[in-house]
Protein backbone atom coordinates (compact mmCIF):
# COMPACT_ATOMS: atom_id res chain seq x y z
CA UNK A 1 6.31 22.85 -159.30
CA UNK A 2 6.10 19.05 -159.37
CA UNK A 3 6.88 16.93 -162.41
CA UNK A 4 3.25 15.88 -162.57
CA UNK A 5 2.02 19.48 -162.72
CA UNK A 6 4.56 20.29 -165.43
CA UNK A 7 3.43 17.26 -167.43
CA UNK A 8 -0.23 18.26 -167.07
CA UNK A 9 0.64 21.77 -168.18
CA UNK A 10 1.77 20.52 -171.57
CA UNK A 11 -1.37 18.39 -171.95
CA UNK A 12 -3.64 21.41 -171.52
CA UNK A 13 -4.43 24.09 -174.09
CA UNK A 14 -1.98 26.95 -173.54
CA UNK A 15 -2.65 30.70 -173.62
CA UNK A 16 0.65 32.52 -173.38
CA UNK A 17 1.48 36.04 -172.25
CA UNK A 18 4.96 36.93 -173.43
CA UNK A 19 6.97 39.73 -171.82
CA UNK A 20 10.19 39.01 -173.66
CA UNK A 21 11.36 39.12 -177.26
CA UNK A 22 8.47 39.31 -179.72
CA UNK A 23 9.97 36.41 -181.64
CA UNK A 24 8.87 34.05 -178.84
CA UNK A 25 5.20 34.91 -179.27
CA UNK A 26 5.56 34.82 -183.07
CA UNK A 27 6.92 31.27 -182.88
CA UNK A 28 4.06 30.18 -180.61
CA UNK A 29 1.47 31.73 -182.90
CA UNK A 30 3.10 29.88 -185.80
CA UNK A 31 2.44 26.63 -183.95
CA UNK A 32 -1.19 27.55 -183.39
CA UNK A 33 -0.81 28.56 -179.73
CA UNK A 34 -2.57 31.79 -178.72
CA UNK A 35 -0.07 34.34 -177.46
CA UNK A 36 -0.34 37.93 -176.28
CA UNK A 37 2.75 40.10 -176.68
CA UNK A 38 3.17 42.63 -173.89
CA UNK A 39 4.92 45.85 -174.91
CA UNK A 40 7.42 45.97 -172.10
CA UNK A 41 10.34 48.32 -171.78
CA UNK A 42 12.95 48.37 -169.04
CA UNK A 43 12.50 51.37 -166.72
CA UNK A 44 14.25 54.51 -167.97
CA UNK A 45 15.13 52.70 -171.18
CA UNK A 46 17.54 50.44 -169.32
CA UNK A 47 19.68 53.34 -168.11
CA UNK A 48 21.08 51.99 -164.85
CA UNK A 49 21.96 55.46 -163.54
CA UNK A 50 18.41 56.71 -163.95
CA UNK A 51 17.03 53.45 -162.53
CA UNK A 52 19.16 53.99 -159.43
CA UNK A 53 17.64 57.45 -159.04
CA UNK A 54 14.16 55.93 -159.09
CA UNK A 55 15.33 53.60 -156.31
CA UNK A 56 16.32 56.65 -154.23
CA UNK A 57 12.79 58.01 -154.49
CA UNK A 58 11.34 54.62 -153.53
CA UNK A 59 13.62 54.54 -150.49
CA UNK A 60 12.10 57.70 -148.99
CA UNK A 61 9.32 56.44 -146.68
CA UNK A 62 7.89 59.90 -146.07
CA UNK A 63 7.45 60.73 -149.76
CA UNK A 64 4.02 60.16 -151.31
CA UNK A 65 4.37 61.29 -154.91
CA UNK A 66 1.05 59.74 -155.93
CA UNK A 67 -0.85 61.78 -153.34
CA UNK A 68 1.00 64.98 -154.30
CA UNK A 69 0.29 64.40 -157.99
CA UNK A 70 -3.35 63.71 -157.24
CA UNK A 71 -3.53 67.07 -155.47
CA UNK A 72 -1.91 68.85 -158.42
CA UNK A 73 -4.19 67.08 -160.89
CA UNK A 74 -7.28 67.90 -158.85
CA UNK A 75 -6.35 71.57 -158.90
CA UNK A 76 -6.16 71.41 -162.68
CA UNK A 77 -9.51 69.62 -162.95
CA UNK A 78 -11.22 72.03 -160.56
CA UNK A 79 -9.99 75.13 -162.38
CA UNK A 80 -12.56 77.42 -163.97
CA UNK A 81 -10.81 79.68 -166.50
CA UNK A 82 -13.06 82.62 -167.28
CA UNK A 83 -12.66 85.53 -169.68
CA UNK A 84 -13.36 88.67 -167.67
CA UNK A 85 -12.04 91.52 -169.79
CA UNK A 86 -9.62 93.16 -172.18
CA UNK A 87 -6.95 95.42 -170.76
CA UNK A 88 -3.58 96.88 -171.67
CA UNK A 89 -0.26 95.18 -170.96
CA UNK A 90 1.30 98.12 -169.08
CA UNK A 91 -1.80 98.66 -166.96
CA UNK A 92 -2.80 95.08 -166.23
CA UNK A 93 0.15 92.68 -166.49
CA UNK A 94 2.07 92.63 -163.19
CA UNK A 95 5.45 94.35 -163.42
CA UNK A 96 5.00 95.55 -167.00
CA UNK A 97 6.64 98.83 -168.05
CA UNK A 98 7.56 100.71 -171.23
CA UNK A 99 11.05 99.25 -171.60
CA UNK A 100 10.15 95.67 -170.68
CA UNK A 101 9.63 93.21 -173.53
CA UNK A 102 8.03 89.89 -172.67
CA UNK A 103 8.80 86.86 -174.81
CA UNK A 104 7.86 83.21 -175.15
CA UNK A 105 9.72 80.35 -173.51
CA UNK A 106 12.31 80.25 -170.75
CA UNK A 107 14.66 83.22 -170.16
CA UNK A 108 16.83 84.22 -173.13
CA UNK A 109 19.09 87.19 -173.81
CA UNK A 110 19.16 89.28 -176.99
CA UNK A 111 22.44 87.73 -178.15
CA UNK A 112 20.93 84.20 -177.97
CA UNK A 113 17.55 85.00 -179.51
CA UNK A 114 16.58 83.20 -182.71
CA UNK A 115 15.69 85.08 -185.89
CA UNK A 116 11.90 85.25 -185.52
CA UNK A 117 12.14 86.37 -181.90
CA UNK A 118 14.60 89.11 -182.83
CA UNK A 119 12.26 90.15 -185.61
CA UNK A 120 9.33 90.33 -183.21
CA UNK A 121 11.35 92.33 -180.67
CA UNK A 122 12.34 94.78 -183.41
CA UNK A 123 8.69 95.13 -184.42
CA UNK A 124 7.62 95.60 -180.81
CA UNK A 125 10.12 98.41 -180.26
CA UNK A 126 8.99 100.16 -183.44
CA UNK A 127 5.33 99.68 -182.47
CA UNK A 128 6.02 101.31 -179.08
CA UNK A 129 7.74 104.27 -180.72
CA UNK A 130 11.02 103.45 -178.99
CA UNK A 131 12.73 103.08 -182.37
CA UNK A 132 12.01 104.49 -185.83
CA UNK A 133 13.38 101.61 -187.89
CA UNK A 134 15.03 98.22 -187.82
CA UNK A 135 18.62 99.42 -187.35
CA UNK A 136 17.70 101.69 -184.46
CA UNK A 137 15.58 98.95 -182.87
CA UNK A 138 18.42 96.41 -183.08
CA UNK A 139 20.84 98.89 -181.51
CA UNK A 140 18.38 99.60 -178.69
CA UNK A 141 17.72 95.91 -178.08
CA UNK A 142 21.45 95.24 -177.73
CA UNK A 143 22.14 98.33 -175.59
CA UNK A 144 20.99 96.96 -172.26
CA UNK A 145 18.25 99.58 -171.92
CA UNK A 146 15.56 97.03 -172.73
CA UNK A 147 14.70 94.29 -170.24
CA UNK A 148 13.71 90.89 -171.63
CA UNK A 149 11.70 88.48 -169.50
CA UNK A 150 9.51 85.42 -170.15
CA UNK A 151 5.76 85.91 -170.41
CA UNK A 152 5.46 83.09 -167.87
CA UNK A 153 7.19 85.24 -165.24
CA UNK A 154 4.31 87.72 -165.51
CA UNK A 155 1.29 85.38 -165.54
CA UNK A 156 1.15 85.66 -169.32
CA UNK A 157 1.60 83.48 -172.39
CA UNK A 158 2.45 84.38 -175.97
CA UNK A 159 2.25 82.27 -179.15
CA UNK A 160 5.40 81.76 -181.25
CA UNK A 161 7.83 84.63 -180.42
CA UNK A 162 5.30 85.68 -177.80
CA UNK A 163 6.45 89.31 -177.74
CA UNK A 164 4.33 91.56 -175.53
CA UNK A 165 5.03 95.30 -175.15
CA UNK A 166 3.46 97.93 -172.94
CA UNK A 167 0.79 99.34 -175.28
CA UNK A 168 -0.59 96.04 -176.53
CA UNK A 169 -4.16 95.08 -175.63
CA UNK A 170 -4.45 91.82 -173.68
CA UNK A 171 -7.15 89.34 -172.77
CA UNK A 172 -7.64 89.01 -169.01
CA UNK A 173 -8.69 85.59 -167.73
CA UNK A 174 -9.39 84.54 -164.17
CA UNK A 175 -9.42 81.09 -162.62
CA UNK A 176 -12.64 81.51 -160.67
CA UNK A 177 -11.81 78.56 -158.40
CA UNK A 178 -8.44 79.82 -157.19
CA UNK A 179 -8.51 83.52 -158.09
CA UNK A 180 -5.30 83.68 -160.17
CA UNK A 181 -5.15 85.64 -163.45
CA UNK A 182 -3.56 85.07 -166.86
CA UNK A 183 -2.98 87.32 -169.86
CA UNK A 184 -2.37 87.05 -173.60
CA UNK A 185 -2.35 89.44 -176.54
CA UNK A 186 -5.02 89.28 -179.24
CA UNK A 187 -4.28 87.01 -182.19
CA UNK A 188 -3.10 88.77 -185.38
CA UNK A 189 -3.92 85.96 -187.81
CA UNK A 190 -1.54 83.90 -189.94
CA UNK A 191 1.12 84.85 -192.48
CA UNK A 192 3.37 87.87 -191.95
CA UNK A 193 2.59 88.79 -188.36
CA UNK A 194 4.64 89.92 -185.37
CA UNK A 195 4.54 86.61 -183.52
CA UNK A 196 6.29 84.95 -186.47
CA UNK A 197 8.95 87.66 -186.51
CA UNK A 198 7.53 89.89 -189.24
CA UNK A 199 7.85 93.62 -188.60
CA UNK A 200 7.08 95.46 -191.83
CA UNK A 201 4.90 98.63 -191.85
CA UNK A 202 1.73 96.65 -192.58
CA UNK A 203 2.43 94.47 -189.53
CA UNK A 204 2.79 97.55 -187.32
CA UNK A 205 -0.33 99.13 -188.89
CA UNK A 206 -2.37 96.05 -188.05
CA UNK A 207 -1.14 96.12 -184.45
CA UNK A 208 -2.13 99.78 -184.19
CA UNK A 209 -5.61 98.99 -185.55
CA UNK A 210 -5.92 96.19 -183.00
CA UNK A 211 -5.01 98.68 -180.27
CA UNK A 212 -7.24 101.56 -181.39
CA UNK A 213 -10.27 99.77 -182.88
CA UNK A 214 -10.41 96.00 -182.40
CA UNK A 215 -9.69 95.82 -178.67
CA UNK A 216 -11.94 98.75 -177.60
CA UNK A 217 -14.87 97.40 -179.61
CA UNK A 218 -14.46 93.87 -178.28
CA UNK A 219 -14.06 95.26 -174.75
CA UNK A 220 -17.41 97.06 -175.00
CA UNK A 221 -19.13 93.95 -176.35
CA UNK A 222 -17.63 91.82 -173.60
CA UNK A 223 -18.80 94.27 -170.96
CA UNK A 224 -22.34 93.86 -172.28
CA UNK A 225 -22.01 90.07 -172.54
CA UNK A 226 -20.37 89.55 -169.17
CA UNK A 227 -17.75 86.91 -168.25
CA UNK A 228 -17.38 83.90 -170.56
CA UNK A 229 -16.67 80.47 -169.09
CA UNK A 230 -13.77 79.29 -171.24
CA UNK A 231 -13.78 75.74 -169.89
CA UNK A 232 -17.25 75.18 -171.32
CA UNK A 233 -16.21 76.60 -174.69
CA UNK A 234 -13.10 74.43 -174.88
CA UNK A 235 -15.13 71.35 -173.99
CA UNK A 236 -17.47 72.18 -176.88
CA UNK A 237 -14.72 72.79 -179.41
CA UNK A 238 -13.17 69.38 -178.71
CA UNK A 239 -16.53 67.87 -179.66
CA UNK A 240 -16.64 69.97 -182.83
CA UNK A 241 -13.30 68.92 -184.32
CA UNK A 242 -10.79 71.33 -182.74
CA UNK A 243 -7.95 70.36 -180.42
CA UNK A 244 -7.35 73.84 -179.01
CA UNK A 245 -3.84 74.52 -180.32
CA UNK A 246 -3.43 74.42 -184.09
CA UNK A 247 -7.05 73.87 -185.08
CA UNK A 248 -9.30 76.62 -183.74
CA UNK A 249 -12.02 76.98 -186.34
CA UNK A 250 -14.81 75.79 -184.05
CA UNK A 251 -13.48 77.81 -181.11
CA UNK A 252 -13.31 81.02 -183.13
CA UNK A 253 -16.81 80.41 -184.50
CA UNK A 254 -18.25 79.82 -181.04
CA UNK A 255 -16.54 82.93 -179.70
CA UNK A 256 -18.02 85.04 -182.50
CA UNK A 257 -21.45 83.64 -181.57
CA UNK A 258 -20.88 84.70 -177.98
CA UNK A 259 -20.10 88.32 -178.88
CA UNK A 260 -22.04 88.98 -182.09
CA UNK A 261 -25.39 89.85 -180.40
CA UNK A 262 -23.58 92.45 -178.30
CA UNK A 263 -21.37 93.82 -181.07
CA UNK A 264 -24.44 94.83 -183.09
CA UNK A 265 -25.77 96.74 -180.06
CA UNK A 266 -22.75 99.03 -179.91
CA UNK A 267 -22.92 102.66 -180.98
CA UNK A 268 -20.07 102.26 -183.46
CA UNK A 269 -19.84 102.94 -187.20
CA UNK A 270 -21.03 99.94 -189.21
CA UNK A 271 -17.76 99.89 -191.13
CA UNK A 272 -15.78 99.40 -187.90
CA UNK A 273 -18.07 96.65 -186.66
CA UNK A 274 -17.95 94.93 -190.03
CA UNK A 275 -14.16 94.98 -190.04
CA UNK A 276 -14.02 93.50 -186.53
CA UNK A 277 -16.38 90.65 -187.42
CA UNK A 278 -14.62 90.06 -190.74
CA UNK A 279 -11.23 89.98 -189.03
CA UNK A 280 -12.34 87.29 -186.57
CA UNK A 281 -14.20 85.37 -189.27
CA UNK A 282 -11.14 85.22 -191.52
CA UNK A 283 -8.76 84.33 -188.67
CA UNK A 284 -9.36 80.74 -187.58
CA UNK A 285 -6.56 81.09 -185.01
CA UNK A 286 -8.27 83.94 -183.16
CA UNK A 287 -9.36 81.51 -180.43
CA UNK A 288 -5.77 80.34 -179.77
CA UNK A 289 -4.98 83.47 -177.77
CA UNK A 290 -7.93 82.60 -175.55
CA UNK A 291 -7.28 78.88 -175.11
CA UNK A 292 -3.67 79.63 -174.12
CA UNK A 293 -4.36 81.94 -171.13
CA UNK A 294 -7.24 79.63 -170.20
CA UNK A 295 -4.68 76.85 -169.92
CA UNK A 296 -2.20 79.12 -168.16
CA UNK A 297 -4.51 80.21 -165.32
CA UNK A 298 -5.73 76.61 -164.98
CA UNK A 299 -2.36 74.90 -164.64
CA UNK A 300 -0.77 77.71 -162.60
CA UNK A 301 -3.05 76.67 -159.73
CA UNK A 302 -1.18 73.35 -159.62
CA UNK A 303 2.20 74.98 -158.90
CA UNK A 304 4.11 74.54 -155.65
CA UNK A 305 2.57 71.24 -154.52
CA UNK A 306 5.23 69.69 -152.28
CA UNK A 307 6.36 66.34 -153.67
CA UNK A 308 4.51 66.65 -156.98
CA UNK A 309 6.28 65.70 -160.21
CA UNK A 310 3.55 67.19 -162.44
CA UNK A 311 4.83 69.52 -165.16
CA UNK A 312 3.20 72.94 -164.79
CA UNK A 313 5.05 74.77 -167.56
CA UNK A 314 6.30 73.79 -171.00
CA UNK A 315 7.55 76.60 -173.22
CA UNK A 316 10.10 77.32 -175.95
CA UNK A 317 11.82 80.40 -177.31
CA UNK A 318 13.37 79.09 -180.54
CA UNK A 319 16.69 78.58 -178.73
CA UNK A 320 15.72 76.51 -175.67
CA UNK A 321 12.85 74.28 -174.64
CA UNK A 322 12.03 74.64 -170.94
CA UNK A 323 9.83 72.99 -168.33
CA UNK A 324 8.95 73.69 -164.69
CA UNK A 325 7.77 71.15 -162.11
CA UNK A 326 5.07 71.67 -159.48
CA UNK A 327 7.23 70.49 -156.57
CA UNK A 328 10.35 72.38 -157.66
CA UNK A 329 9.15 75.98 -157.61
CA UNK A 330 10.00 78.38 -160.43
CA UNK A 331 13.21 76.65 -161.55
CA UNK A 332 13.53 76.13 -165.30
CA UNK A 333 15.00 72.96 -166.80
CA UNK A 334 16.11 73.58 -170.37
CA UNK A 335 17.67 71.91 -173.37
CA UNK A 336 18.24 73.08 -176.95
CA UNK A 337 15.04 73.52 -178.96
CA UNK A 338 14.37 70.93 -181.64
CA UNK A 339 13.30 71.07 -185.28
CA UNK A 340 9.65 70.69 -186.29
CA UNK A 341 8.67 67.87 -188.66
CA UNK A 342 5.94 69.48 -190.72
CA UNK A 343 4.23 70.65 -193.87
CA UNK A 344 5.47 73.80 -195.55
CA UNK A 345 3.81 76.61 -197.44
CA UNK A 346 4.64 76.79 -201.16
CA UNK A 347 8.20 77.98 -201.75
CA UNK A 348 9.50 76.96 -198.30
CA UNK A 349 11.23 73.88 -196.90
CA UNK A 350 12.85 72.61 -193.71
CA UNK A 351 15.96 74.63 -194.60
CA UNK A 352 13.96 77.82 -194.04
CA UNK A 353 12.54 76.84 -190.65
CA UNK A 354 13.36 78.15 -187.21
CA UNK A 355 13.52 75.72 -184.31
CA UNK A 356 10.53 75.05 -182.08
CA UNK A 357 9.18 78.27 -180.53
CA UNK A 358 6.26 79.59 -178.49
CA UNK A 359 4.25 79.39 -175.27
CA UNK A 360 1.34 77.75 -177.07
CA UNK A 361 2.48 74.38 -175.72
CA UNK A 362 0.65 75.45 -172.55
CA UNK A 363 -2.32 73.80 -174.27
CA UNK A 364 -0.61 70.39 -174.15
CA UNK A 365 0.43 71.05 -170.55
CA UNK A 366 -3.24 71.37 -169.58
CA UNK A 367 -4.43 68.36 -171.59
CA UNK A 368 -5.55 69.70 -174.98
CA UNK A 369 -3.56 70.51 -178.15
CA UNK A 370 -1.43 67.54 -179.16
CA UNK A 371 -2.86 65.54 -176.25
CA UNK A 372 -6.35 65.89 -177.76
CA UNK A 373 -5.46 65.26 -181.40
CA UNK A 374 -7.87 62.31 -181.49
CA UNK A 375 -10.67 64.90 -181.25
CA UNK A 376 -9.43 66.70 -184.37
CA UNK A 377 -8.53 64.24 -187.16
CA UNK A 378 -8.61 67.08 -189.70
CA UNK A 379 -5.60 68.64 -187.94
CA UNK A 380 -3.36 66.31 -189.95
CA UNK A 381 -4.04 68.37 -193.06
CA UNK A 382 -2.32 71.26 -191.29
CA UNK A 383 0.49 69.53 -189.37
CA UNK A 384 1.00 66.25 -191.27
CA UNK A 385 0.40 62.60 -190.48
CA UNK A 386 -2.85 60.63 -190.73
CA UNK A 387 -6.09 60.54 -188.73
CA UNK A 388 -4.89 57.25 -187.23
CA UNK A 389 -1.71 59.03 -186.09
CA UNK A 390 -3.83 61.65 -184.33
CA UNK A 391 -5.62 58.94 -182.34
CA UNK A 392 -2.37 57.14 -181.55
CA UNK A 393 -0.76 60.33 -180.24
CA UNK A 394 -3.60 60.80 -177.78
CA UNK A 395 -3.59 57.15 -176.69
CA UNK A 396 0.12 57.29 -175.98
CA UNK A 397 -0.20 60.39 -173.81
CA UNK A 398 -2.26 58.48 -171.22
CA UNK A 399 0.98 56.65 -170.33
CA UNK A 400 2.72 59.81 -169.13
CA UNK A 401 -0.14 61.65 -167.43
CA UNK A 402 -1.67 61.52 -163.98
CA UNK A 403 -5.38 61.64 -164.78
CA UNK A 404 -8.09 61.93 -167.41
CA UNK A 405 -9.92 65.22 -167.78
CA UNK A 406 -13.50 65.19 -166.51
CA UNK A 407 -14.55 68.04 -168.82
CA UNK A 408 -12.38 67.87 -171.94
CA UNK A 409 -13.57 64.70 -173.67
CA UNK A 410 -13.04 63.01 -177.04
CA UNK A 411 -16.12 61.74 -178.92
CA UNK A 412 -14.13 59.33 -181.11
CA UNK A 413 -12.83 57.59 -177.97
CA UNK A 414 -16.27 57.08 -176.38
CA UNK A 415 -15.97 60.50 -174.71
CA UNK A 416 -12.90 59.48 -172.77
CA UNK A 417 -11.32 62.42 -170.95
CA UNK A 418 -8.14 63.85 -172.44
CA UNK A 419 -4.83 62.81 -170.82
CA UNK A 420 -4.07 65.52 -168.27
CA UNK A 421 -1.23 66.33 -165.89
CA UNK A 422 2.13 65.37 -167.41
CA UNK A 423 4.28 63.47 -164.90
CA UNK A 424 8.00 64.02 -165.48
CA UNK A 425 8.73 60.71 -163.72
CA UNK A 426 6.57 58.83 -166.22
CA UNK A 427 8.22 60.64 -169.13
CA UNK A 428 11.67 59.52 -167.96
CA UNK A 429 10.54 56.03 -166.98
CA UNK A 430 8.75 55.27 -170.26
CA UNK A 431 10.83 57.35 -172.66
CA UNK A 432 7.58 58.72 -174.12
CA UNK A 433 7.81 62.44 -174.87
CA UNK A 434 4.83 64.83 -174.89
CA UNK A 435 3.12 65.09 -178.29
CA UNK A 436 3.13 68.68 -179.53
CA UNK A 437 1.72 70.20 -182.72
CA UNK A 438 2.85 73.68 -183.66
CA UNK A 439 3.34 76.35 -186.28
CA UNK A 440 6.70 76.91 -187.98
CA UNK A 441 8.34 80.33 -188.26
CA UNK A 442 10.99 81.28 -190.82
CA UNK A 443 14.49 81.24 -189.35
CA UNK A 444 15.17 84.80 -190.49
CA UNK A 445 13.59 87.83 -188.78
CA UNK A 446 10.83 89.65 -190.57
CA UNK A 447 9.60 86.84 -192.85
CA UNK A 448 6.78 85.16 -190.90
CA UNK A 449 5.06 81.78 -190.96
CA UNK A 450 6.30 79.06 -193.32
CA UNK A 451 4.42 75.95 -192.17
CA UNK A 452 3.15 73.78 -189.32
CA UNK A 453 3.92 70.34 -187.97
CA UNK A 454 4.71 67.99 -185.10
CA UNK A 455 7.67 68.28 -182.77
CA UNK A 456 9.36 66.12 -180.15
CA UNK A 457 10.75 68.11 -177.23
CA UNK A 458 14.35 67.45 -176.17
CA UNK A 459 14.60 64.60 -173.66
CA UNK A 460 17.40 66.33 -171.70
CA UNK A 461 15.13 68.92 -170.08
CA UNK A 462 12.96 66.13 -168.65
CA UNK A 463 16.01 64.20 -167.45
CA UNK A 464 17.42 67.33 -165.77
CA UNK A 465 14.11 67.96 -164.03
CA UNK A 466 13.96 64.34 -162.87
CA UNK A 467 17.49 64.53 -161.47
CA UNK A 468 16.64 67.74 -159.60
CA UNK A 469 13.46 66.13 -158.26
CA UNK A 470 15.47 63.19 -156.90
CA UNK A 471 17.98 65.61 -155.39
CA UNK A 472 15.15 67.40 -153.61
CA UNK A 473 13.02 64.46 -152.54
CA UNK A 474 15.16 61.32 -152.70
CA UNK A 475 16.56 61.72 -149.19
């Protein structure tokens, strides 16, 4: 640039865009010069090793990650999760048998299970009649006779401990676009329930009632009603103040509306029908066990896209947090589960809490839950924070996702689509971790729920997945 042009530059009114230290723009503003501060971070937080791995991906001329991620995202957007029935785990879940116990999160053995998961396993074995009490159930669980596998390995998802045993009734959902199925148990409600590790006689009694009364009655009503398009329901609940993970009041209410006209047509004792309706009415989380398999069968269609860095599974078991990547098959990438920052029920504190646990983070994986918190400002009364925080969480998630959802929209953001399709490359590059809201289980088996809050997943599982992605595709 010539001296004359430089001289003219200082004679003109300046408008500065600053990409460096914020102090520079502050000084200019102090002198009356308009300045815009750009929030810039070095790639991968300035980690030169990770930056070099990004260079390896860039050096592969045959690799088109953007196109692969667009394909994965389109499969998610085109998915049509539909509730088609209620079955039984042993009959309907692929590979299920009497001595198989499914659990939340990545694979974990009995000796590494956290307290609430052990408590739920104990309860499941008693419920199945494989053990008569806690001591016998613990001995059986440790004997090697029982097989433990993730729900995700059987097209299923389970909240919190996520324990599924053979006799449990399960929702059956189908992705009508791609034909794949997903399963989840029916929600027990809050407090001392199996998914939080409680296993007392009243917990088992409730599970038996759900098996013998609740599920058969709902099955008959659903058969009269016919399939329910879950995508439409979830779109509605986001516009009614839910986010589909920890706030499900609108979703549960809408679901009751869908079935109530058919429940009253059933030839069942009024007392049984009244108890079913009352149970759903008093259990705001009833819809969670529908939104989860809806998310599962939706995002499963995006698996196995060659070259895609979209995350198709996030799950935790109270010991490990795990993710799976579309372009890397069924391989899990894990790191130790983290603590939840939350609000606690009276008499409990962070000292009582188990680490992060549950498959319910499938909701965030598909673009709702913590990613849609801006749609549910009231959620902060349950998990902590402020309404402004809820909006900020959602805004930040656009930086690590591939697309915006064309169906799940947020009224408070001018009906902008929720951030959808988490890109592990963007997570590593920006250092922004997925926003997750969740319940909190007591660390000891048999106690139950003690609170709810917000949690940051461990960065190491995303870094491991990124490194494996570069190993596979950075050639």
